[in-house]
């Protein structure tokens, strides 16, 4: 197996506060935020730094926390622990301040201070598909990002059942 190393450059960090989520972009990259405010959503690629350990990187099969009695490879789930702990989250854009390098979002499933690797404006033509297929264990998930809040109730139910 060949091993190639890559150099990634952090462009910012995730800020998680009380009822506030922001993407804080470093000064040299702030001009790249121009016109991002014209989009409704942004795709955030972030580094799961709190799960960047040798053992987490070797974890390639896991029990799915949101699917009772299901084990799957990490490429078949959204777990942060993986060979390269890269997280991907689509975030609604609430505001963009280019001068301060702040993008306010309603939520991101990253850790506080998670390094941001890249941002990509959400383009429906390339970032969604009409005919998709999902496994049985996620068939009850909402189909749309705006309905994702419904997952909390579903996850709570699964957790309660797993404790019984």
C-alpha atoms as a PDB file:
ATOM      1  CA  UNK A   1       0.000   0.000   0.000  1.00  0.00           C
ATOM      2  CA  UNK A   2       1.416   3.358  -0.952  1.00  0.00           C
ATOM      3  CA  UNK A   3       1.425   6.189   1.531  1.00  0.00           C
ATOM      4  CA  UNK A   4       1.369   9.767   0.315  1.00  0.00           C
ATOM      5  CA  UNK A   5       1.390  12.741   2.647  1.00  0.00           C
ATOM      6  CA  UNK A   6      -0.393  15.985   1.924  1.00  0.00           C
ATOM      7  CA  UNK A   7       0.062  19.415   3.413  1.00  0.00           C
ATOM      8  CA  UNK A   8      -3.214  21.031   4.381  1.00  0.00           C
ATOM      9  CA  UNK A   9      -3.497  24.647   5.351  1.00  0.00           C
ATOM     10  CA  UNK A  10      -5.976  25.664   8.020  1.00  0.00           C
ATOM     11  CA  UNK A  11      -8.049  28.613   6.810  1.00  0.00           C
ATOM     12  CA  UNK A  12      -9.934  29.216  10.039  1.00  0.00           C
ATOM     13  CA  UNK A  13     -11.605  27.617  13.024  1.00  0.00           C
ATOM     14  CA  UNK A  14     -15.074  26.744  14.251  1.00  0.00           C
ATOM     15  CA  UNK A  15     -16.338  28.797  17.149  1.00  0.00           C
ATOM     16  CA  UNK A  16     -18.998  27.205  19.322  1.00  0.00           C
ATOM     17  CA  UNK A  17     -20.524  29.366  22.026  1.00  0.00           C
ATOM     18  CA  UNK A  18     -23.754  29.577  23.916  1.00  0.00           C
ATOM     19  CA  UNK A  19     -26.462  29.492  21.225  1.00  0.00           C
ATOM     20  CA  UNK A  20     -23.913  30.695  18.649  1.00  0.00           C
ATOM     21  CA  UNK A  21     -21.906  28.997  15.943  1.00  0.00           C
ATOM     22  CA  UNK A  22     -19.409  30.864  13.808  1.00  0.00           C
ATOM     23  CA  UNK A  23     -16.799  30.074  11.223  1.00  0.00           C
ATOM     24  CA  UNK A  24     -13.816  32.299  11.962  1.00  0.00           C
ATOM     25  CA  UNK A  25     -11.682  32.747   8.860  1.00  0.00           C
ATOM     26  CA  UNK A  26      -8.042  33.816   9.167  1.00  0.00           C
ATOM     27  CA  UNK A  27      -7.034  37.187   7.781  1.00  0.00           C
ATOM     28  CA  UNK A  28      -5.176  36.073   4.624  1.00  0.00           C
ATOM     29  CA  UNK A  29      -8.253  34.146   3.443  1.00  0.00           C
ATOM     30  CA  UNK A  30     -10.933  36.739   4.166  1.00  0.00           C
ATOM     31  CA  UNK A  31     -11.002  38.159   0.605  1.00  0.00           C
ATOM     32  CA  UNK A  32     -12.123  34.661  -0.495  1.00  0.00           C
ATOM     33  CA  UNK A  33     -15.398  35.324   1.355  1.00  0.00           C
ATOM     34  CA  UNK A  34     -16.458  37.975  -1.199  1.00  0.00           C
ATOM     35  CA  UNK A  35     -19.933  37.204  -2.583  1.00  0.00           C
ATOM     36  CA  UNK A  36     -20.425  34.190  -0.267  1.00  0.00           C
ATOM     37  CA  UNK A  37     -23.232  36.180   1.364  1.00  0.00           C
ATOM     38  CA  UNK A  38     -25.208  35.795  -1.867  1.00  0.00           C
ATOM     39  CA  UNK A  39     -25.562  32.060  -1.180  1.00  0.00           C
ATOM     40  CA  UNK A  40     -27.914  30.470   1.312  1.00  0.00           C
ATOM     41  CA  UNK A  41     -25.619  27.622   2.348  1.00  0.00           C
ATOM     42  CA  UNK A  42     -21.938  26.738   2.537  1.00  0.00           C
ATOM     43  CA  UNK A  43     -20.205  23.359   2.658  1.00  0.00           C
ATOM     44  CA  UNK A  44     -17.645  23.333   5.464  1.00  0.00           C
ATOM     45  CA  UNK A  45     -14.748  20.881   5.439  1.00  0.00           C
ATOM     46  CA  UNK A  46     -13.286  20.679   8.921  1.00  0.00           C
ATOM     47  CA  UNK A  47     -10.724  18.587  10.787  1.00  0.00           C
ATOM     48  CA  UNK A  48     -12.024  16.499  13.707  1.00  0.00           C
ATOM     49  CA  UNK A  49      -8.992  17.378  15.813  1.00  0.00           C
ATOM     50  CA  UNK A  50     -10.409  15.862  18.994  1.00  0.00           C
ATOM     51  CA  UNK A  51     -10.531  12.453  17.309  1.00  0.00           C
ATOM     52  CA  UNK A  52      -7.191  12.691  15.535  1.00  0.00           C
ATOM     53  CA  UNK A  53      -5.412   9.886  17.345  1.00  0.00           C
ATOM     54  CA  UNK A  54      -3.584   6.853  16.068  1.00  0.00           C
ATOM     55  CA  UNK A  55      -6.295   4.542  17.414  1.00  0.00           C
ATOM     56  CA  UNK A  56      -9.158   6.621  15.959  1.00  0.00           C
ATOM     57  CA  UNK A  57      -7.427   6.710  12.565  1.00  0.00           C
ATOM     58  CA  UNK A  58      -7.160   2.911  12.629  1.00  0.00           C
ATOM     59  CA  UNK A  59     -10.839   2.493  13.497  1.00  0.00           C
ATOM     60  CA  UNK A  60     -12.386   1.448  10.210  1.00  0.00           C
ATOM     61  CA  UNK A  61     -15.444  -0.484  11.385  1.00  0.00           C
ATOM     62  CA  UNK A  62     -17.774   0.825  14.056  1.00  0.00           C
ATOM     63  CA  UNK A  63     -21.095   0.247  15.721  1.00  0.00           C
ATOM     64  CA  UNK A  64     -23.401   2.911  14.374  1.00  0.00           C
ATOM     65  CA  UNK A  65     -24.605   4.977  17.351  1.00  0.00           C
ATOM     66  CA  UNK A  66     -27.812   5.963  15.568  1.00  0.00           C
ATOM     67  CA  UNK A  67     -28.659   2.464  14.273  1.00  0.00           C
ATOM     68  CA  UNK A  68     -29.308  -0.275  16.798  1.00  0.00           C
ATOM     69  CA  UNK A  69     -27.146  -3.403  16.339  1.00  0.00           C
ATOM     70  CA  UNK A  70     -25.590  -2.193  13.080  1.00  0.00           C
ATOM     71  CA  UNK A  71     -21.852  -2.292  12.377  1.00  0.00           C
ATOM     72  CA  UNK A  72     -20.510  -0.568   9.297  1.00  0.00           C
ATOM     73  CA  UNK A  73     -17.300   0.669   7.790  1.00  0.00           C
ATOM     74  CA  UNK A  74     -16.502   4.298   8.497  1.00  0.00           C
ATOM     75  CA  UNK A  75     -16.890   5.072   4.792  1.00  0.00           C
ATOM     76  CA  UNK A  76     -20.558   4.060   5.160  1.00  0.00           C
ATOM     77  CA  UNK A  77     -21.264   6.499   7.984  1.00  0.00           C
ATOM     78  CA  UNK A  78     -20.568  10.077   9.009  1.00  0.00           C
ATOM     79  CA  UNK A  79     -18.357   9.298  12.013  1.00  0.00           C
ATOM     80  CA  UNK A  80     -15.528  11.761  12.642  1.00  0.00           C
ATOM     81  CA  UNK A  81     -13.081   8.970  13.452  1.00  0.00           C
ATOM     82  CA  UNK A  82     -11.629   7.676  10.221  1.00  0.00           C
ATOM     83  CA  UNK A  83      -8.254   7.349   8.481  1.00  0.00           C
ATOM     84  CA  UNK A  84      -8.361  11.099   7.765  1.00  0.00           C
ATOM     85  CA  UNK A  85     -10.688  12.792  10.263  1.00  0.00           C
ATOM     86  CA  UNK A  86     -12.286  15.190   7.812  1.00  0.00           C
ATOM     87  CA  UNK A  87     -15.776  16.370   8.645  1.00  0.00           C
ATOM     88  CA  UNK A  88     -18.182  17.761   6.068  1.00  0.00           C
ATOM     89  CA  UNK A  89     -21.194  19.837   7.065  1.00  0.00           C
ATOM     90  CA  UNK A  90     -23.654  21.847   5.007  1.00  0.00           C
ATOM     91  CA  UNK A  91     -24.483  25.005   6.957  1.00  0.00           C
ATOM     92  CA  UNK A  92     -27.087  27.648   6.356  1.00  0.00           C
ATOM     93  CA  UNK A  93     -25.459  31.074   6.126  1.00  0.00           C
ATOM     94  CA  UNK A  94     -26.997  33.585   8.531  1.00  0.00           C
ATOM     95  CA  UNK A  95     -24.463  36.335   7.897  1.00  0.00           C
ATOM     96  CA  UNK A  96     -21.024  36.960   6.431  1.00  0.00           C
ATOM     97  CA  UNK A  97     -18.652  39.671   7.628  1.00  0.00           C
ATOM     98  CA  UNK A  98     -15.770  39.689   5.150  1.00  0.00           C
ATOM     99  CA  UNK A  99     -13.706  42.267   7.056  1.00  0.00           C
ATOM    100  CA  UNK A 100     -13.822  40.337  10.331  1.00  0.00           C
ATOM    101  CA  UNK A 101     -13.799  36.921   8.653  1.00  0.00           C
ATOM    102  CA  UNK A 102     -16.932  35.752  10.446  1.00  0.00           C
ATOM    103  CA  UNK A 103     -19.628  33.529   8.976  1.00  0.00           C
ATOM    104  CA  UNK A 104     -22.527  33.008  11.345  1.00  0.00           C
ATOM    105  CA  UNK A 105     -24.346  29.684  11.001  1.00  0.00           C
ATOM    106  CA  UNK A 106     -27.261  28.236  13.014  1.00  0.00           C
ATOM    107  CA  UNK A 107     -25.402  24.979  13.758  1.00  0.00           C
ATOM    108  CA  UNK A 108     -22.381  22.885  12.849  1.00  0.00           C
ATOM    109  CA  UNK A 109     -21.611  19.414  14.156  1.00  0.00           C
ATOM    110  CA  UNK A 110     -17.929  20.224  14.686  1.00  0.00           C
ATOM    111  CA  UNK A 111     -16.012  20.696  17.904  1.00  0.00           C
ATOM    112  CA  UNK A 112     -15.116  24.116  19.250  1.00  0.00           C
ATOM    113  CA  UNK A 113     -11.798  25.189  17.696  1.00  0.00           C
ATOM    114  CA  UNK A 114     -12.021  22.563  14.948  1.00  0.00           C
ATOM    115  CA  UNK A 115      -9.706  23.651  12.140  1.00  0.00           C
ATOM    116  CA  UNK A 116     -11.517  24.642   8.954  1.00  0.00           C
ATOM    117  CA  UNK A 117      -9.851  23.225   5.851  1.00  0.00           C
ATOM    118  CA  UNK A 118     -12.056  24.675   3.134  1.00  0.00           C
ATOM    119  CA  UNK A 119     -15.398  26.287   2.332  1.00  0.00           C
ATOM    120  CA  UNK A 120     -17.437  25.681  -0.784  1.00  0.00           C
ATOM    121  CA  UNK A 121     -20.562  27.561  -1.777  1.00  0.00           C
ATOM    122  CA  UNK A 122     -23.547  25.213  -2.003  1.00  0.00           C
ATOM    123  CA  UNK A 123     -24.660  24.765  -5.620  1.00  0.00           C
ATOM    124  CA  UNK A 124     -27.826  22.651  -5.947  1.00  0.00           C
ATOM    125  CA  UNK A 125     -26.847  21.456  -9.417  1.00  0.00           C
ATOM    126  CA  UNK A 126     -23.738  19.703  -8.082  1.00  0.00           C
ATOM    127  CA  UNK A 127     -24.466  19.185  -4.384  1.00  0.00           C
ATOM    128  CA  UNK A 128     -27.716  17.213  -4.405  1.00  0.00           C
ATOM    129  CA  UNK A 129     -29.205  14.296  -6.273  1.00  0.00           C
ATOM    130  CA  UNK A 130     -32.809  13.560  -7.145  1.00  0.00           C
ATOM    131  CA  UNK A 131     -32.704   9.771  -7.065  1.00  0.00           C
ATOM    132  CA  UNK A 132     -30.701   8.573  -4.085  1.00  0.00           C
ATOM    133  CA  UNK A 133     -30.408   5.309  -2.220  1.00  0.00           C
ATOM    134  CA  UNK A 134     -29.847   4.844   1.518  1.00  0.00           C
ATOM    135  CA  UNK A 135     -29.666   1.730   3.688  1.00  0.00           C
ATOM    136  CA  UNK A 136     -32.606   0.544   5.756  1.00  0.00           C
ATOM    137  CA  UNK A 137     -31.045   1.868   8.971  1.00  0.00           C
ATOM    138  CA  UNK A 138     -31.302   5.503   7.809  1.00  0.00           C
ATOM    139  CA  UNK A 139     -34.538   5.262   5.817  1.00  0.00           C
ATOM    140  CA  UNK A 140     -36.466   7.194   8.500  1.00  0.00           C
ATOM    141  CA  UNK A 141     -34.106  10.162   8.430  1.00  0.00           C
ATOM    142  CA  UNK A 142     -35.453  13.420   7.053  1.00  0.00           C
ATOM    143  CA  UNK A 143     -34.786  13.926   3.379  1.00  0.00           C
ATOM    144  CA  UNK A 144     -33.916  17.617   3.669  1.00  0.00           C
ATOM    145  CA  UNK A 145     -31.389  19.590   5.695  1.00  0.00           C
ATOM    146  CA  UNK A 146     -34.092  21.918   7.002  1.00  0.00           C
ATOM    147  CA  UNK A 147     -35.808  18.948   8.633  1.00  0.00           C
ATOM    148  CA  UNK A 148     -32.643  17.591  10.286  1.00  0.00           C
ATOM    149  CA  UNK A 149     -33.807  18.816  13.692  1.00  0.00           C
ATOM    150  CA  UNK A 150     -36.179  15.822  13.626  1.00  0.00           C
ATOM    151  CA  UNK A 151     -33.128  13.567  14.028  1.00  0.00           C
ATOM    152  CA  UNK A 152     -32.788  14.600  17.673  1.00  0.00           C
ATOM    153  CA  UNK A 153     -36.104  12.928  18.486  1.00  0.00           C
ATOM    154  CA  UNK A 154     -35.185   9.851  16.441  1.00  0.00           C
ATOM    155  CA  UNK A 155     -31.729   9.568  18.073  1.00  0.00           C
ATOM    156  CA  UNK A 156     -33.247  10.001  21.550  1.00  0.00           C
ATOM    157  CA  UNK A 157     -35.687   7.172  20.821  1.00  0.00           C
ATOM    158  CA  UNK A 158     -32.870   4.889  19.568  1.00  0.00           C
ATOM    159  CA  UNK A 159     -30.725   5.722  22.603  1.00  0.00           C
ATOM    160  CA  UNK A 160     -33.608   5.025  25.009  1.00  0.00           C
ATOM    161  CA  UNK A 161     -34.305   1.689  23.329  1.00  0.00           C
ATOM    162  CA  UNK A 162     -30.621   0.706  23.461  1.00  0.00           C
ATOM    163  CA  UNK A 163     -30.515   1.393  27.224  1.00  0.00           C
ATOM    164  CA  UNK A 164     -33.512  -0.891  27.867  1.00  0.00           C
END
